[in-house]
Amino acid sequence: FNPTVSYFKPRGIPMKELEEVEITKEEGEALRLKNIKDLDQTT
């Protein structure tokens, strides 16, 4: 998982007013494999 973008935010709300959550590349890879590649957890 090597994203070309590293930030997502709700539309219409200035950044200074937003709290943020941090997702690691490891977590992104888990999401990619499970939900995008549709692999079972063992794989």
PDB file of all heavy atoms in Angstrom:
ATOM      1  N   PHE A   1       0.853  -1.190   0.000  1.00  0.00           N
ATOM      2  CA  PHE A   1       0.000   0.000   0.000  1.00  0.00           C
ATOM      3  C   PHE A   1       0.890   1.241   0.000  1.00  0.00           C
ATOM      4  O   PHE A   1       1.630   1.499   0.940  1.00  0.00           O
ATOM      5  CB  PHE A   1      -0.908  -0.016   1.233  1.00  0.00           C
ATOM      6  CG  PHE A   1      -1.785   1.205   1.377  1.00  0.00           C
ATOM      7  CD1 PHE A   1      -2.771   1.491   0.450  1.00  0.00           C
ATOM      8  CD2 PHE A   1      -1.630   2.062   2.448  1.00  0.00           C
ATOM      9  CE1 PHE A   1      -3.590   2.600   0.590  1.00  0.00           C
ATOM     10  CE2 PHE A   1      -2.444   3.169   2.604  1.00  0.00           C
ATOM     11  CZ  PHE A   1      -3.421   3.445   1.667  1.00  0.00           C
ATOM     12  N   ASN A   2       0.854   2.005  -1.084  1.00  0.00           N
ATOM     13  CA  ASN A   2       1.639   3.222  -1.212  1.00  0.00           C
ATOM     14  C   ASN A   2       0.731   4.291  -1.836  1.00  0.00           C
ATOM     15  O   ASN A   2       0.728   4.480  -3.044  1.00  0.00           O
ATOM     16  CB  ASN A   2       2.880   2.970  -2.068  1.00  0.00           C
ATOM     17  CG  ASN A   2       3.849   4.112  -1.976  1.00  0.00           C
ATOM     18  OD1 ASN A   2       3.801   4.906  -1.037  1.00  0.00           O
ATOM     19  ND2 ASN A   2       4.747   4.202  -2.935  1.00  0.00           N
ATOM     20  N   PRO A   3      -0.048   4.962  -0.995  1.00  0.00           N
ATOM     21  CA  PRO A   3      -1.052   5.897  -1.520  1.00  0.00           C
ATOM     22  C   PRO A   3      -0.441   7.122  -2.199  1.00  0.00           C
ATOM     23  O   PRO A   3       0.636   7.584  -1.821  1.00  0.00           O
ATOM     24  CB  PRO A   3      -1.820   6.309  -0.261  1.00  0.00           C
ATOM     25  CG  PRO A   3      -0.830   6.162   0.844  1.00  0.00           C
ATOM     26  CD  PRO A   3       0.025   4.978   0.459  1.00  0.00           C
ATOM     27  N   THR A   4      -1.138   7.612  -3.201  1.00  0.00           N
ATOM     28  CA  THR A   4      -0.704   8.841  -3.866  1.00  0.00           C
ATOM     29  C   THR A   4      -1.242  10.073  -3.127  1.00  0.00           C
ATOM     30  O   THR A   4      -0.751  11.161  -3.323  1.00  0.00           O
ATOM     31  CB  THR A   4      -1.196   8.883  -5.339  1.00  0.00           C
ATOM     32  OG1 THR A   4      -2.617   8.708  -5.343  1.00  0.00           O
ATOM     33  CG2 THR A   4      -0.553   7.784  -6.145  1.00  0.00           C
ATOM     34  N   VAL A   5      -2.240   9.863  -2.313  1.00  0.00           N
ATOM     35  CA  VAL A   5      -2.788  10.914  -1.453  1.00  0.00           C
ATOM     36  C   VAL A   5      -2.647  10.438  -0.013  1.00  0.00           C
ATOM     37  O   VAL A   5      -2.762   9.262   0.265  1.00  0.00           O
ATOM     38  CB  VAL A   5      -4.281  11.201  -1.708  1.00  0.00           C
ATOM     39  CG1 VAL A   5      -4.553  12.582  -2.142  1.00  0.00           C
ATOM     40  CG2 VAL A   5      -4.941  10.204  -2.578  1.00  0.00           C
ATOM     41  N   SER A   6      -2.428  11.361   0.896  1.00  0.00           N
ATOM     42  CA  SER A   6      -2.237  10.942   2.286  1.00  0.00           C
ATOM     43  C   SER A   6      -3.206  11.631   3.238  1.00  0.00           C
ATOM     44  O   SER A   6      -3.061  11.527   4.450  1.00  0.00           O
ATOM     45  CB  SER A   6      -0.803  11.234   2.723  1.00  0.00           C
ATOM     46  OG  SER A   6      -0.543  12.620   2.646  1.00  0.00           O
ATOM     47  N   TYR A   7      -4.208  12.308   2.676  1.00  0.00           N
ATOM     48  CA  TYR A   7      -5.139  13.039   3.528  1.00  0.00           C
ATOM     49  C   TYR A   7      -6.526  13.058   2.920  1.00  0.00           C
ATOM     50  O   TYR A   7      -6.676  13.294   1.725  1.00  0.00           O
ATOM     51  CB  TYR A   7      -4.651  14.485   3.702  1.00  0.00           C
ATOM     52  CG  TYR A   7      -4.898  15.022   5.078  1.00  0.00           C
ATOM     53  CD1 TYR A   7      -3.979  14.835   6.092  1.00  0.00           C
ATOM     54  CD2 TYR A   7      -6.072  15.695   5.376  1.00  0.00           C
ATOM     55  CE1 TYR A   7      -4.213  15.314   7.367  1.00  0.00           C
ATOM     56  CE2 TYR A   7      -6.315  16.178   6.638  1.00  0.00           C
ATOM     57  CZ  TYR A   7      -5.380  15.991   7.637  1.00  0.00           C
ATOM     58  OH  TYR A   7      -5.616  16.451   8.894  1.00  0.00           O
ATOM     59  N   PHE A   8      -7.524  12.798   3.746  1.00  0.00           N
ATOM     60  CA  PHE A   8      -8.922  12.892   3.336  1.00  0.00           C
ATOM     61  C   PHE A   8      -9.649  13.698   4.398  1.00  0.00           C
ATOM     62  O   PHE A   8      -9.387  13.536   5.583  1.00  0.00           O
ATOM     63  CB  PHE A   8      -9.556  11.496   3.232  1.00  0.00           C
ATOM     64  CG  PHE A   8      -8.899  10.626   2.213  1.00  0.00           C
ATOM     65  CD1 PHE A   8      -7.808   9.848   2.551  1.00  0.00           C
ATOM     66  CD2 PHE A   8      -9.370  10.588   0.912  1.00  0.00           C
ATOM     67  CE1 PHE A   8      -7.187   9.042   1.613  1.00  0.00           C
ATOM     68  CE2 PHE A   8      -8.760   9.789  -0.034  1.00  0.00           C
ATOM     69  CZ  PHE A   8      -7.665   9.025   0.317  1.00  0.00           C
ATOM     70  N   LYS A   9     -10.567  14.544   3.969  1.00  0.00           N
ATOM     71  CA  LYS A   9     -11.304  15.351   4.945  1.00  0.00           C
ATOM     72  C   LYS A   9     -12.728  15.579   4.479  1.00  0.00           C
ATOM     73  O   LYS A   9     -13.012  15.515   3.285  1.00  0.00           O
ATOM     74  CB  LYS A   9     -10.598  16.676   5.201  1.00  0.00           C
ATOM     75  CG  LYS A   9     -10.701  17.686   4.077  1.00  0.00           C
ATOM     76  CD  LYS A   9     -10.101  19.009   4.510  1.00  0.00           C
ATOM     77  CE  LYS A   9     -10.736  20.194   3.851  1.00  0.00           C
ATOM     78  NZ  LYS A   9     -12.085  20.479   4.115  1.00  0.00           N
ATOM     79  N   PRO A  10     -13.603  15.860   5.433  1.00  0.00           N
ATOM     80  CA  PRO A  10     -14.983  16.184   5.053  1.00  0.00           C
ATOM     81  C   PRO A  10     -15.004  17.475   4.227  1.00  0.00           C
ATOM     82  O   PRO A  10     -14.260  18.418   4.511  1.00  0.00           O
ATOM     83  CB  PRO A  10     -15.688  16.394   6.391  1.00  0.00           C
ATOM     84  CG  PRO A  10     -14.833  15.719   7.398  1.00  0.00           C
ATOM     85  CD  PRO A  10     -13.438  15.807   6.882  1.00  0.00           C
ATOM     86  N   ARG A  11     -15.840  17.491   3.223  1.00  0.00           N
ATOM     87  CA  ARG A  11     -15.962  18.647   2.351  1.00  0.00           C
ATOM     88  C   ARG A  11     -16.615  19.814   3.075  1.00  0.00           C
ATOM     89  O   ARG A  11     -17.536  19.638   3.868  1.00  0.00           O
ATOM     90  CB  ARG A  11     -16.815  18.246   1.151  1.00  0.00           C
ATOM     91  CG  ARG A  11     -16.813  19.235   0.035  1.00  0.00           C
ATOM     92  CD  ARG A  11     -17.351  18.567  -1.185  1.00  0.00           C
ATOM     93  NE  ARG A  11     -18.382  19.410  -1.770  1.00  0.00           N
ATOM     94  CZ  ARG A  11     -19.172  19.038  -2.730  1.00  0.00           C
ATOM     95  NH1 ARG A  11     -19.102  17.818  -3.194  1.00  0.00           N
ATOM     96  NH2 ARG A  11     -20.051  19.855  -3.224  1.00  0.00           N
ATOM     97  N   GLY A  12     -16.116  21.010   2.819  1.00  0.00           N
ATOM     98  CA  GLY A  12     -16.748  22.219   3.328  1.00  0.00           C
ATOM     99  C   GLY A  12     -16.368  22.603   4.751  1.00  0.00           C
ATOM    100  O   GLY A  12     -16.888  23.580   5.277  1.00  0.00           O
ATOM    101  N   ILE A  13     -15.478  21.867   5.383  1.00  0.00           N
ATOM    102  CA  ILE A  13     -15.056  22.209   6.739  1.00  0.00           C
ATOM    103  C   ILE A  13     -13.572  22.569   6.690  1.00  0.00           C
ATOM    104  O   ILE A  13     -12.754  21.770   6.221  1.00  0.00           O
ATOM    105  CB  ILE A  13     -15.279  21.038   7.720  1.00  0.00           C
ATOM    106  CG1 ILE A  13     -16.751  20.629   7.727  1.00  0.00           C
ATOM    107  CG2 ILE A  13     -14.818  21.418   9.132  1.00  0.00           C
ATOM    108  CD1 ILE A  13     -17.045  19.388   8.532  1.00  0.00           C
ATOM    109  N   PRO A  14     -13.208  23.761   7.156  1.00  0.00           N
ATOM    110  CA  PRO A  14     -11.787  24.151   7.139  1.00  0.00           C
ATOM    111  C   PRO A  14     -10.930  23.207   7.991  1.00  0.00           C
ATOM    112  O   PRO A  14     -11.368  22.717   9.035  1.00  0.00           O
ATOM    113  CB  PRO A  14     -11.794  25.555   7.746  1.00  0.00           C
ATOM    114  CG  PRO A  14     -13.205  26.037   7.629  1.00  0.00           C
ATOM    115  CD  PRO A  14     -14.067  24.818   7.681  1.00  0.00           C
ATOM    116  N   MET A  15      -9.711  22.970   7.534  1.00  0.00           N
ATOM    117  CA  MET A  15      -8.800  22.073   8.229  1.00  0.00           C
ATOM    118  C   MET A  15      -8.598  22.452   9.692  1.00  0.00           C
ATOM    119  O   MET A  15      -8.510  21.590  10.555  1.00  0.00           O
ATOM    120  CB  MET A  15      -7.431  22.053   7.531  1.00  0.00           C
ATOM    121  CG  MET A  15      -7.414  21.232   6.272  1.00  0.00           C
ATOM    122  SD  MET A  15      -7.787  19.490   6.565  1.00  0.00           S
ATOM    123  CE  MET A  15      -6.505  19.051   7.691  1.00  0.00           C
ATOM    124  N   LYS A  16      -8.521  23.739   9.969  1.00  0.00           N
ATOM    125  CA  LYS A  16      -8.244  24.171  11.340  1.00  0.00           C
ATOM    126  C   LYS A  16      -9.371  23.790  12.310  1.00  0.00           C
ATOM    127  O   LYS A  16      -9.165  23.755  13.509  1.00  0.00           O
ATOM    128  CB  LYS A  16      -7.967  25.675  11.396  1.00  0.00           C
ATOM    129  CG  LYS A  16      -9.145  26.538  10.994  1.00  0.00           C
ATOM    130  CD  LYS A  16      -8.779  27.999  10.992  1.00  0.00           C
ATOM    131  CE  LYS A  16      -9.957  28.826  10.514  1.00  0.00           C
ATOM    132  NZ  LYS A  16      -9.650  30.229  10.423  1.00  0.00           N
ATOM    133  N   GLU A  17     -10.544  23.481  11.782  1.00  0.00           N
ATOM    134  CA  GLU A  17     -11.678  23.101  12.616  1.00  0.00           C
ATOM    135  C   GLU A  17     -11.832  21.586  12.776  1.00  0.00           C
ATOM    136  O   GLU A  17     -12.708  21.130  13.499  1.00  0.00           O
ATOM    137  CB  GLU A  17     -12.975  23.676  12.034  1.00  0.00           C
ATOM    138  CG  GLU A  17     -13.029  25.186  12.049  1.00  0.00           C
ATOM    139  CD  GLU A  17     -14.293  25.729  11.398  1.00  0.00           C
ATOM    140  OE1 GLU A  17     -15.276  24.970  11.263  1.00  0.00           O
ATOM    141  OE2 GLU A  17     -14.277  26.908  11.014  1.00  0.00           O
ATOM    142  N   LEU A  18     -10.988  20.823  12.088  1.00  0.00           N
ATOM    143  CA  LEU A  18     -11.130  19.361  12.082  1.00  0.00           C
ATOM    144  C   LEU A  18     -10.173  18.654  13.036  1.00  0.00           C
ATOM    145  O   LEU A  18      -9.011  19.013  13.146  1.00  0.00           O
ATOM    146  CB  LEU A  18     -10.857  18.811  10.678  1.00  0.00           C
ATOM    147  CG  LEU A  18     -11.916  19.046   9.631  1.00  0.00           C
ATOM    148  CD1 LEU A  18     -11.417  18.579   8.275  1.00  0.00           C
ATOM    149  CD2 LEU A  18     -13.195  18.329   9.995  1.00  0.00           C
ATOM    150  N   GLU A  19     -10.709  17.652  13.704  1.00  0.00           N
ATOM    151  CA  GLU A  19      -9.851  16.691  14.385  1.00  0.00           C
ATOM    152  C   GLU A  19      -9.448  15.691  13.317  1.00  0.00           C
ATOM    153  O   GLU A  19     -10.088  15.589  12.267  1.00  0.00           O
ATOM    154  CB  GLU A  19     -10.630  15.962  15.482  1.00  0.00           C
ATOM    155  CG  GLU A  19     -10.943  16.808  16.694  1.00  0.00           C
ATOM    156  CD  GLU A  19     -11.667  15.980  17.757  1.00  0.00           C
ATOM    157  OE1 GLU A  19     -11.151  14.903  18.119  1.00  0.00           O
ATOM    158  OE2 GLU A  19     -12.737  16.417  18.182  1.00  0.00           O
ATOM    159  N   GLU A  20      -8.388  14.934  13.581  1.00  0.00           N
ATOM    160  CA  GLU A  20      -7.982  13.939  12.596  1.00  0.00           C
ATOM    161  C   GLU A  20      -7.674  12.602  13.273  1.00  0.00           C
ATOM    162  O   GLU A  20      -7.368  12.552  14.461  1.00  0.00           O
ATOM    163  CB  GLU A  20      -6.789  14.405  11.767  1.00  0.00           C
ATOM    164  CG  GLU A  20      -5.514  14.587  12.535  1.00  0.00           C
ATOM    165  CD  GLU A  20      -4.375  15.078  11.652  1.00  0.00           C
ATOM    166  OE1 GLU A  20      -4.607  15.856  10.713  1.00  0.00           O
ATOM    167  OE2 GLU A  20      -3.245  14.676  11.930  1.00  0.00           O
ATOM    168  N   VAL A  21      -7.809  11.549  12.485  1.00  0.00           N
ATOM    169  CA  VAL A  21      -7.378  10.222  12.907  1.00  0.00           C
ATOM    170  C   VAL A  21      -6.236   9.822  11.979  1.00  0.00           C
ATOM    171  O   VAL A  21      -6.216  10.212  10.810  1.00  0.00           O
ATOM    172  CB  VAL A  21      -8.519   9.168  12.860  1.00  0.00           C
ATOM    173  CG1 VAL A  21      -9.599   9.492  13.856  1.00  0.00           C
ATOM    174  CG2 VAL A  21      -9.104   9.026  11.483  1.00  0.00           C
ATOM    175  N   GLU A  22      -5.291   9.079  12.513  1.00  0.00           N
ATOM    176  CA  GLU A  22      -4.145   8.646  11.718  1.00  0.00           C
ATOM    177  C   GLU A  22      -4.244   7.157  11.418  1.00  0.00           C
ATOM    178  O   GLU A  22      -4.424   6.341  12.314  1.00  0.00           O
ATOM    179  CB  GLU A  22      -2.845   8.954  12.465  1.00  0.00           C
ATOM    180  CG  GLU A  22      -2.592  10.439  12.604  1.00  0.00           C
ATOM    181  CD  GLU A  22      -1.282  10.747  13.298  1.00  0.00           C
ATOM    182  OE1 GLU A  22      -0.735   9.873  14.010  1.00  0.00           O
ATOM    183  OE2 GLU A  22      -0.797  11.871  13.123  1.00  0.00           O
ATOM    184  N   ILE A  23      -4.134   6.833  10.151  1.00  0.00           N
ATOM    185  CA  ILE A  23      -4.143   5.455   9.674  1.00  0.00           C
ATOM    186  C   ILE A  23      -2.724   5.127   9.214  1.00  0.00           C
ATOM    187  O   ILE A  23      -2.151   5.876   8.425  1.00  0.00           O
ATOM    188  CB  ILE A  23      -5.120   5.292   8.478  1.00  0.00           C
ATOM    189  CG1 ILE A  23      -6.540   5.689   8.855  1.00  0.00           C
ATOM    190  CG2 ILE A  23      -5.073   3.882   7.900  1.00  0.00           C
ATOM    191  CD1 ILE A  23      -7.200   4.805   9.857  1.00  0.00           C
ATOM    192  N   THR A  24      -2.173   4.030   9.696  1.00  0.00           N
ATOM    193  CA  THR A  24      -0.836   3.640   9.259  1.00  0.00           C
ATOM    194  C   THR A  24      -0.907   2.956   7.898  1.00  0.00           C
ATOM    195  O   THR A  24      -1.962   2.470   7.489  1.00  0.00           O
ATOM    196  CB  THR A  24      -0.187   2.670  10.268  1.00  0.00           C
ATOM    197  OG1 THR A  24      -0.947   1.452  10.291  1.00  0.00           O
ATOM    198  CG2 THR A  24      -0.113   3.281  11.667  1.00  0.00           C
ATOM    199  N   LYS A  25       0.223   2.901   7.210  1.00  0.00           N
ATOM    200  CA  LYS A  25       0.262   2.186   5.934  1.00  0.00           C
ATOM    201  C   LYS A  25      -0.046   0.708   6.151  1.00  0.00           C
ATOM    202  O   LYS A  25      -0.640   0.061   5.293  1.00  0.00           O
ATOM    203  CB  LYS A  25       1.622   2.358   5.258  1.00  0.00           C
ATOM    204  CG  LYS A  25       1.806   3.732   4.653  1.00  0.00           C
ATOM    205  CD  LYS A  25       3.077   3.806   3.854  1.00  0.00           C
ATOM    206  CE  LYS A  25       3.217   5.176   3.208  1.00  0.00           C
ATOM    207  NZ  LYS A  25       4.444   5.250   2.392  1.00  0.00           N
ATOM    208  N   GLU A  26       0.337   0.195   7.303  1.00  0.00           N
ATOM    209  CA  GLU A  26       0.027  -1.195   7.658  1.00  0.00           C
ATOM    210  C   GLU A  26      -1.490  -1.407   7.717  1.00  0.00           C
ATOM    211  O   GLU A  26      -2.016  -2.387   7.196  1.00  0.00           O
ATOM    212  CB  GLU A  26       0.669  -1.479   9.019  1.00  0.00           C
ATOM    213  CG  GLU A  26       0.561  -2.884   9.489  1.00  0.00           C
ATOM    214  CD  GLU A  26       1.334  -3.074  10.781  1.00  0.00           C
ATOM    215  OE1 GLU A  26       0.876  -2.567  11.826  1.00  0.00           O
ATOM    216  OE2 GLU A  26       2.382  -3.736  10.739  1.00  0.00           O
ATOM    217  N   GLU A  27      -2.197  -0.466   8.338  1.00  0.00           N
ATOM    218  CA  GLU A  27      -3.658  -0.551   8.404  1.00  0.00           C
ATOM    219  C   GLU A  27      -4.261  -0.375   7.014  1.00  0.00           C
ATOM    220  O   GLU A  27      -5.231  -1.056   6.659  1.00  0.00           O
ATOM    221  CB  GLU A  27      -4.200   0.499   9.368  1.00  0.00           C
ATOM    222  CG  GLU A  27      -3.856   0.196  10.815  1.00  0.00           C
ATOM    223  CD  GLU A  27      -4.101   1.353  11.759  1.00  0.00           C
ATOM    224  OE1 GLU A  27      -3.959   2.523  11.353  1.00  0.00           O
ATOM    225  OE2 GLU A  27      -4.426   1.086  12.933  1.00  0.00           O
ATOM    226  N   GLY A  28      -3.692   0.501   6.217  1.00  0.00           N
ATOM    227  CA  GLY A  28      -4.153   0.686   4.841  1.00  0.00           C
ATOM    228  C   GLY A  28      -3.979  -0.574   4.016  1.00  0.00           C
ATOM    229  O   GLY A  28      -4.852  -0.949   3.226  1.00  0.00           O
ATOM    230  N   GLU A  29      -2.857  -1.251   4.216  1.00  0.00           N
ATOM    231  CA  GLU A  29      -2.610  -2.508   3.501  1.00  0.00           C
ATOM    232  C   GLU A  29      -3.623  -3.572   3.915  1.00  0.00           C
ATOM    233  O   GLU A  29      -4.140  -4.309   3.069  1.00  0.00           O
ATOM    234  CB  GLU A  29      -1.184  -2.996   3.772  1.00  0.00           C
ATOM    235  CG  GLU A  29      -0.847  -4.331   3.140  1.00  0.00           C
ATOM    236  CD  GLU A  29      -0.748  -4.311   1.626  1.00  0.00           C
ATOM    237  OE1 GLU A  29      -1.088  -3.306   0.979  1.00  0.00           O
ATOM    238  OE2 GLU A  29      -0.338  -5.337   1.057  1.00  0.00           O
ATOM    239  N   ALA A  30      -3.934  -3.653   5.199  1.00  0.00           N
ATOM    240  CA  ALA A  30      -4.930  -4.622   5.671  1.00  0.00           C
ATOM    241  C   ALA A  30      -6.288  -4.343   5.032  1.00  0.00           C
ATOM    242  O   ALA A  30      -6.971  -5.260   4.573  1.00  0.00           O
ATOM    243  CB  ALA A  30      -5.031  -4.580   7.195  1.00  0.00           C
ATOM    244  N   LEU A  31      -6.690  -3.079   4.985  1.00  0.00           N
ATOM    245  CA  LEU A  31      -7.952  -2.701   4.348  1.00  0.00           C
ATOM    246  C   LEU A  31      -7.945  -3.041   2.857  1.00  0.00           C
ATOM    247  O   LEU A  31      -8.920  -3.550   2.312  1.00  0.00           O
ATOM    248  CB  LEU A  31      -8.222  -1.206   4.535  1.00  0.00           C
ATOM    249  CG  LEU A  31      -8.556  -0.749   5.945  1.00  0.00           C
ATOM    250  CD1 LEU A  31      -8.488   0.770   6.045  1.00  0.00           C
ATOM    251  CD2 LEU A  31      -9.923  -1.253   6.369  1.00  0.00           C
ATOM    252  N   ARG A  32      -6.814  -2.757   2.191  1.00  0.00           N
ATOM    253  CA  ARG A  32      -6.681  -3.024   0.755  1.00  0.00           C
ATOM    254  C   ARG A  32      -6.825  -4.513   0.456  1.00  0.00           C
ATOM    255  O   ARG A  32      -7.602  -4.913  -0.421  1.00  0.00           O
ATOM    256  CB  ARG A  32      -5.316  -2.519   0.256  1.00  0.00           C
ATOM    257  CG  ARG A  32      -5.091  -2.685  -1.245  1.00  0.00           C
ATOM    258  CD  ARG A  32      -3.682  -2.248  -1.641  1.00  0.00           C
ATOM    259  NE  ARG A  32      -2.702  -3.261  -1.316  1.00  0.00           N
ATOM    260  CZ  ARG A  32      -2.439  -4.334  -2.064  1.00  0.00           C
ATOM    261  NH1 ARG A  32      -3.093  -4.537  -3.197  1.00  0.00           N
ATOM    262  NH2 ARG A  32      -1.520  -5.208  -1.702  1.00  0.00           N
ATOM    263  N   LEU A  33      -6.113  -5.335   1.209  1.00  0.00           N
ATOM    264  CA  LEU A  33      -6.159  -6.776   0.957  1.00  0.00           C
ATOM    265  C   LEU A  33      -7.534  -7.361   1.240  1.00  0.00           C
ATOM    266  O   LEU A  33      -8.053  -8.156   0.457  1.00  0.00           O
ATOM    267  CB  LEU A  33      -5.104  -7.496   1.807  1.00  0.00           C
ATOM    268  CG  LEU A  33      -3.644  -7.235   1.424  1.00  0.00           C
ATOM    269  CD1 LEU A  33      -2.717  -7.843   2.465  1.00  0.00           C
ATOM    270  CD2 LEU A  33      -3.336  -7.754   0.038  1.00  0.00           C
ATOM    271  N   LYS A  34      -8.127  -6.976   2.353  1.00  0.00           N
ATOM    272  CA  LYS A  34      -9.409  -7.555   2.765  1.00  0.00           C
ATOM    273  C   LYS A  34     -10.580  -7.020   1.946  1.00  0.00           C
ATOM    274  O   LYS A  34     -11.439  -7.779   1.499  1.00  0.00           O
ATOM    275  CB  LYS A  34      -9.647  -7.281   4.261  1.00  0.00           C
ATOM    276  CG  LYS A  34     -10.923  -7.878   4.799  1.00  0.00           C
ATOM    277  CD  LYS A  34     -10.831  -9.389   4.861  1.00  0.00           C
ATOM    278  CE  LYS A  34     -12.106  -9.972   5.440  1.00  0.00           C
ATOM    279  NZ  LYS A  34     -12.563 -11.113   4.695  1.00  0.00           N
ATOM    280  N   ASN A  35     -10.636  -5.711   1.731  1.00  0.00           N
ATOM    281  CA  ASN A  35     -11.821  -5.101   1.122  1.00  0.00           C
ATOM    282  C   ASN A  35     -11.703  -4.820  -0.374  1.00  0.00           C
ATOM    283  O   ASN A  35     -12.709  -4.866  -1.078  1.00  0.00           O
ATOM    284  CB  ASN A  35     -12.161  -3.807   1.853  1.00  0.00           C
ATOM    285  CG  ASN A  35     -12.470  -4.066   3.311  1.00  0.00           C
ATOM    286  OD1 ASN A  35     -13.240  -4.945   3.640  1.00  0.00           O
ATOM    287  ND2 ASN A  35     -11.847  -3.305   4.196  1.00  0.00           N
ATOM    288  N   ILE A  36     -10.522  -4.522  -0.847  1.00  0.00           N
ATOM    289  CA  ILE A  36     -10.348  -4.236  -2.278  1.00  0.00           C
ATOM    290  C   ILE A  36      -9.995  -5.511  -3.044  1.00  0.00           C
ATOM    291  O   ILE A  36     -10.591  -5.817  -4.071  1.00  0.00           O
ATOM    292  CB  ILE A  36      -9.275  -3.146  -2.514  1.00  0.00           C
ATOM    293  CG1 ILE A  36      -9.591  -1.868  -1.727  1.00  0.00           C
ATOM    294  CG2 ILE A  36      -9.100  -2.852  -4.006  1.00  0.00           C
ATOM    295  CD1 ILE A  36     -10.939  -1.242  -2.028  1.00  0.00           C
ATOM    296  N   LYS A  37      -9.028  -6.261  -2.518  1.00  0.00           N
ATOM    297  CA  LYS A  37      -8.637  -7.525  -3.157  1.00  0.00           C
ATOM    298  C   LYS A  37      -9.592  -8.660  -2.798  1.00  0.00           C
ATOM    299  O   LYS A  37      -9.552  -9.721  -3.426  1.00  0.00           O
ATOM    300  CB  LYS A  37      -7.209  -7.908  -2.749  1.00  0.00           C
ATOM    301  CG  LYS A  37      -6.155  -6.941  -3.234  1.00  0.00           C
ATOM    302  CD  LYS A  37      -6.014  -7.024  -4.724  1.00  0.00           C
ATOM    303  CE  LYS A  37      -4.868  -6.169  -5.218  1.00  0.00           C
ATOM    304  NZ  LYS A  37      -4.731  -6.233  -6.669  1.00  0.00           N
ATOM    305  N   ASP A  38     -10.426  -8.451  -1.781  1.00  0.00           N
ATOM    306  CA  ASP A  38     -11.444  -9.416  -1.354  1.00  0.00           C
ATOM    307  C   ASP A  38     -10.856 -10.781  -0.994  1.00  0.00           C
ATOM    308  O   ASP A  38     -11.391 -11.821  -1.349  1.00  0.00           O
ATOM    309  CB  ASP A  38     -12.518  -9.553  -2.435  1.00  0.00           C
ATOM    310  CG  ASP A  38     -13.833 -10.098  -1.885  1.00  0.00           C
ATOM    311  OD1 ASP A  38     -14.104  -9.894  -0.683  1.00  0.00           O
ATOM    312  OD2 ASP A  38     -14.566 -10.747  -2.651  1.00  0.00           O
ATOM    313  N   LEU A  39      -9.733 -10.755  -0.253  1.00  0.00           N
ATOM    314  CA  LEU A  39      -9.082 -11.980   0.172  1.00  0.00           C
ATOM    315  C   LEU A  39      -9.573 -12.386   1.554  1.00  0.00           C
ATOM    316  O   LEU A  39     -10.008 -11.543   2.339  1.00  0.00           O
ATOM    317  CB  LEU A  39      -7.559 -11.777   0.213  1.00  0.00           C
ATOM    318  CG  LEU A  39      -6.898 -11.334  -1.097  1.00  0.00           C
ATOM    319  CD1 LEU A  39      -5.430 -11.028  -0.870  1.00  0.00           C
ATOM    320  CD2 LEU A  39      -7.071 -12.398  -2.170  1.00  0.00           C
ATOM    321  N   ASP A  40      -9.483 -13.675   1.864  1.00  0.00           N
ATOM    322  CA  ASP A  40      -9.845 -14.126   3.211  1.00  0.00           C
ATOM    323  C   ASP A  40      -8.706 -13.740   4.172  1.00  0.00           C
ATOM    324  O   ASP A  40      -7.586 -13.463   3.753  1.00  0.00           O
ATOM    325  CB  ASP A  40     -10.122 -15.627   3.245  1.00  0.00           C
ATOM    326  CG  ASP A  40      -8.896 -16.442   2.900  1.00  0.00           C
ATOM    327  OD1 ASP A  40      -8.029 -16.620   3.777  1.00  0.00           O
ATOM    328  OD2 ASP A  40      -8.801 -16.904   1.746  1.00  0.00           O
ATOM    329  N   GLN A  41      -9.012 -13.736   5.468  1.00  0.00           N
ATOM    330  CA  GLN A  41      -8.059 -13.258   6.467  1.00  0.00           C
ATOM    331  C   GLN A  41      -6.768 -14.072   6.500  1.00  0.00           C
ATOM    332  O   GLN A  41      -5.691 -13.515   6.686  1.00  0.00           O
ATOM    333  CB  GLN A  41      -8.692 -13.253   7.859  1.00  0.00           C
ATOM    334  CG  GLN A  41      -9.484 -12.018   8.098  1.00  0.00           C
ATOM    335  CD  GLN A  41      -9.881 -11.860   9.549  1.00  0.00           C
ATOM    336  OE1 GLN A  41     -10.811 -11.165   9.814  1.00  0.00           O
ATOM    337  NE2 GLN A  41      -9.205 -12.467  10.480  1.00  0.00           N
ATOM    338  N   THR A  42      -6.866 -15.357   6.287  1.00  0.00           N
ATOM    339  CA  THR A  42      -5.671 -16.199   6.302  1.00  0.00           C
ATOM    340  C   THR A  42      -4.724 -15.798   5.181  1.00  0.00           C
ATOM    341  O   THR A  42      -3.520 -15.629   5.398  1.00  0.00           O
ATOM    342  CB  THR A  42      -6.057 -17.693   6.163  1.00  0.00           C
ATOM    343  OG1 THR A  42      -6.978 -18.020   7.207  1.00  0.00           O
ATOM    344  CG2 THR A  42      -4.846 -18.583   6.250  1.00  0.00           C
ATOM    345  N   THR A  43      -5.255 -15.602   3.993  1.00  0.00           N
ATOM    346  CA  THR A  43      -4.453 -15.188   2.851  1.00  0.00           C
ATOM    347  C   THR A  43      -3.880 -13.791   3.068  1.00  0.00           C
ATOM    348  O   THR A  43      -2.713 -13.541   2.761  1.00  0.00           O
ATOM    349  CB  THR A  43      -5.285 -15.241   1.550  1.00  0.00           C
ATOM    350  OG1 THR A  43      -5.832 -16.555   1.413  1.00  0.00           O
ATOM    351  CG2 THR A  43      -4.450 -14.909   0.334  1.00  0.00           C
TER     352      THR A  43
END
